[in-house]
């Protein structure tokens, strides 16, 4: 059980990292290094950006839940 949640945590961590890097940069910082500093002619957020935000939040919540469950499992094992 612990091994399954550990693997899920690794997968969610990598997916969360990828999703955060896919977000459009708001200017300044490290996002400019990866081309995020280019200004778009379209104002506001598109449907794709909103969906990316939602997916990132869901994956972040799953990541957090996985950490809590792993902590509880390890506490109960000892």
C-alpha atoms as a PDB file:
ATOM      1  CA  UNK A   1       0.000   0.000   0.000  1.00  0.00           C
ATOM      2  CA  UNK A   2       2.813   2.395   0.899  1.00  0.00           C
ATOM      3  CA  UNK A   3       4.644   1.494  -2.315  1.00  0.00           C
ATOM      4  CA  UNK A   4       1.562   2.303  -4.406  1.00  0.00           C
ATOM      5  CA  UNK A   5       1.132   5.718  -2.801  1.00  0.00           C
ATOM      6  CA  UNK A   6       4.868   6.383  -3.155  1.00  0.00           C
ATOM      7  CA  UNK A   7       4.702   5.691  -6.882  1.00  0.00           C
ATOM      8  CA  UNK A   8       1.560   7.839  -7.170  1.00  0.00           C
ATOM      9  CA  UNK A   9       3.359  10.653  -5.345  1.00  0.00           C
ATOM     10  CA  UNK A  10       6.263  10.507  -7.808  1.00  0.00           C
ATOM     11  CA  UNK A  11       3.878  10.547 -10.780  1.00  0.00           C
ATOM     12  CA  UNK A  12       1.833  13.439  -9.353  1.00  0.00           C
ATOM     13  CA  UNK A  13       5.018  15.378  -8.556  1.00  0.00           C
ATOM     14  CA  UNK A  14       6.322  15.074 -12.118  1.00  0.00           C
ATOM     15  CA  UNK A  15       2.921  15.901 -13.580  1.00  0.00           C
ATOM     16  CA  UNK A  16       2.537  18.934 -11.314  1.00  0.00           C
ATOM     17  CA  UNK A  17       5.988  20.174 -12.311  1.00  0.00           C
ATOM     18  CA  UNK A  18       5.094  19.824 -16.000  1.00  0.00           C
ATOM     19  CA  UNK A  19       1.748  21.583 -15.563  1.00  0.00           C
ATOM     20  CA  UNK A  20       3.287  24.517 -13.687  1.00  0.00           C
ATOM     21  CA  UNK A  21       5.920  24.947 -16.390  1.00  0.00           C
ATOM     22  CA  UNK A  22       3.189  24.976 -19.059  1.00  0.00           C
ATOM     23  CA  UNK A  23       1.510  28.050 -17.545  1.00  0.00           C
ATOM     24  CA  UNK A  24       1.918  31.351 -19.321  1.00  0.00           C
ATOM     25  CA  UNK A  25       4.418  33.621 -17.625  1.00  0.00           C
ATOM     26  CA  UNK A  26       3.135  36.861 -16.156  1.00  0.00           C
ATOM     27  CA  UNK A  27       6.400  38.650 -16.914  1.00  0.00           C
ATOM     28  CA  UNK A  28       9.698  38.707 -15.105  1.00  0.00           C
ATOM     29  CA  UNK A  29      11.338  35.874 -13.229  1.00  0.00           C
ATOM     30  CA  UNK A  30      12.373  32.534 -14.598  1.00  0.00           C
ATOM     31  CA  UNK A  31       9.452  32.314 -17.026  1.00  0.00           C
ATOM     32  CA  UNK A  32      11.286  34.724 -19.346  1.00  0.00           C
ATOM     33  CA  UNK A  33      14.141  32.233 -19.688  1.00  0.00           C
ATOM     34  CA  UNK A  34      11.823  29.676 -21.272  1.00  0.00           C
ATOM     35  CA  UNK A  35      10.106  32.065 -23.669  1.00  0.00           C
ATOM     36  CA  UNK A  36       7.292  32.994 -21.304  1.00  0.00           C
ATOM     37  CA  UNK A  37       8.093  36.680 -21.609  1.00  0.00           C
ATOM     38  CA  UNK A  38       6.658  37.006 -25.119  1.00  0.00           C
ATOM     39  CA  UNK A  39       3.518  39.077 -25.095  1.00  0.00           C
ATOM     40  CA  UNK A  40       0.402  37.674 -26.695  1.00  0.00           C
ATOM     41  CA  UNK A  41      -1.909  39.859 -28.751  1.00  0.00           C
ATOM     42  CA  UNK A  42      -4.952  38.155 -27.217  1.00  0.00           C
ATOM     43  CA  UNK A  43      -6.081  39.709 -23.940  1.00  0.00           C
ATOM     44  CA  UNK A  44      -7.578  37.763 -21.049  1.00  0.00           C
ATOM     45  CA  UNK A  45      -7.372  34.080 -20.421  1.00  0.00           C
ATOM     46  CA  UNK A  46      -8.454  31.540 -22.980  1.00  0.00           C
ATOM     47  CA  UNK A  47     -10.398  28.372 -22.355  1.00  0.00           C
ATOM     48  CA  UNK A  48      -7.212  26.342 -22.606  1.00  0.00           C
ATOM     49  CA  UNK A  49      -5.548  28.425 -19.875  1.00  0.00           C
ATOM     50  CA  UNK A  50      -8.556  28.084 -17.580  1.00  0.00           C
ATOM     51  CA  UNK A  51      -8.622  24.322 -18.139  1.00  0.00           C
ATOM     52  CA  UNK A  52      -4.879  24.165 -17.450  1.00  0.00           C
ATOM     53  CA  UNK A  53      -5.500  26.059 -14.202  1.00  0.00           C
ATOM     54  CA  UNK A  54      -8.233  23.616 -13.188  1.00  0.00           C
ATOM     55  CA  UNK A  55      -6.131  20.563 -14.016  1.00  0.00           C
ATOM     56  CA  UNK A  56      -3.197  22.012 -12.068  1.00  0.00           C
ATOM     57  CA  UNK A  57      -5.378  22.590  -9.004  1.00  0.00           C
ATOM     58  CA  UNK A  58      -6.814  19.058  -9.159  1.00  0.00           C
ATOM     59  CA  UNK A  59      -3.372  17.473  -9.527  1.00  0.00           C
ATOM     60  CA  UNK A  60      -2.082  19.666  -6.683  1.00  0.00           C
ATOM     61  CA  UNK A  61      -4.913  18.506  -4.410  1.00  0.00           C
ATOM     62  CA  UNK A  62      -4.267  14.867  -5.329  1.00  0.00           C
ATOM     63  CA  UNK A  63      -0.562  15.393  -4.607  1.00  0.00           C
ATOM     64  CA  UNK A  64      -1.381  16.861  -1.190  1.00  0.00           C
ATOM     65  CA  UNK A  65      -3.835  14.050  -0.388  1.00  0.00           C
ATOM     66  CA  UNK A  66      -1.218  11.486  -1.375  1.00  0.00           C
ATOM     67  CA  UNK A  67       1.288  13.043   1.043  1.00  0.00           C
ATOM     68  CA  UNK A  68      -1.261  13.027   3.884  1.00  0.00           C
ATOM     69  CA  UNK A  69      -2.198   9.389   3.267  1.00  0.00           C
ATOM     70  CA  UNK A  70       1.457   8.369   3.074  1.00  0.00           C
ATOM     71  CA  UNK A  71       2.153  10.140   6.361  1.00  0.00           C
ATOM     72  CA  UNK A  72      -0.754   8.392   8.055  1.00  0.00           C
ATOM     73  CA  UNK A  73       0.227   5.003   6.668  1.00  0.00           C
ATOM     74  CA  UNK A  74       3.810   5.383   7.827  1.00  0.00           C
ATOM     75  CA  UNK A  75       2.665   6.539  11.267  1.00  0.00           C
ATOM     76  CA  UNK A  76       0.357   3.523  11.629  1.00  0.00           C
ATOM     77  CA  UNK A  77       3.054   1.102  10.407  1.00  0.00           C
ATOM     78  CA  UNK A  78       5.509   2.036  13.143  1.00  0.00           C
END
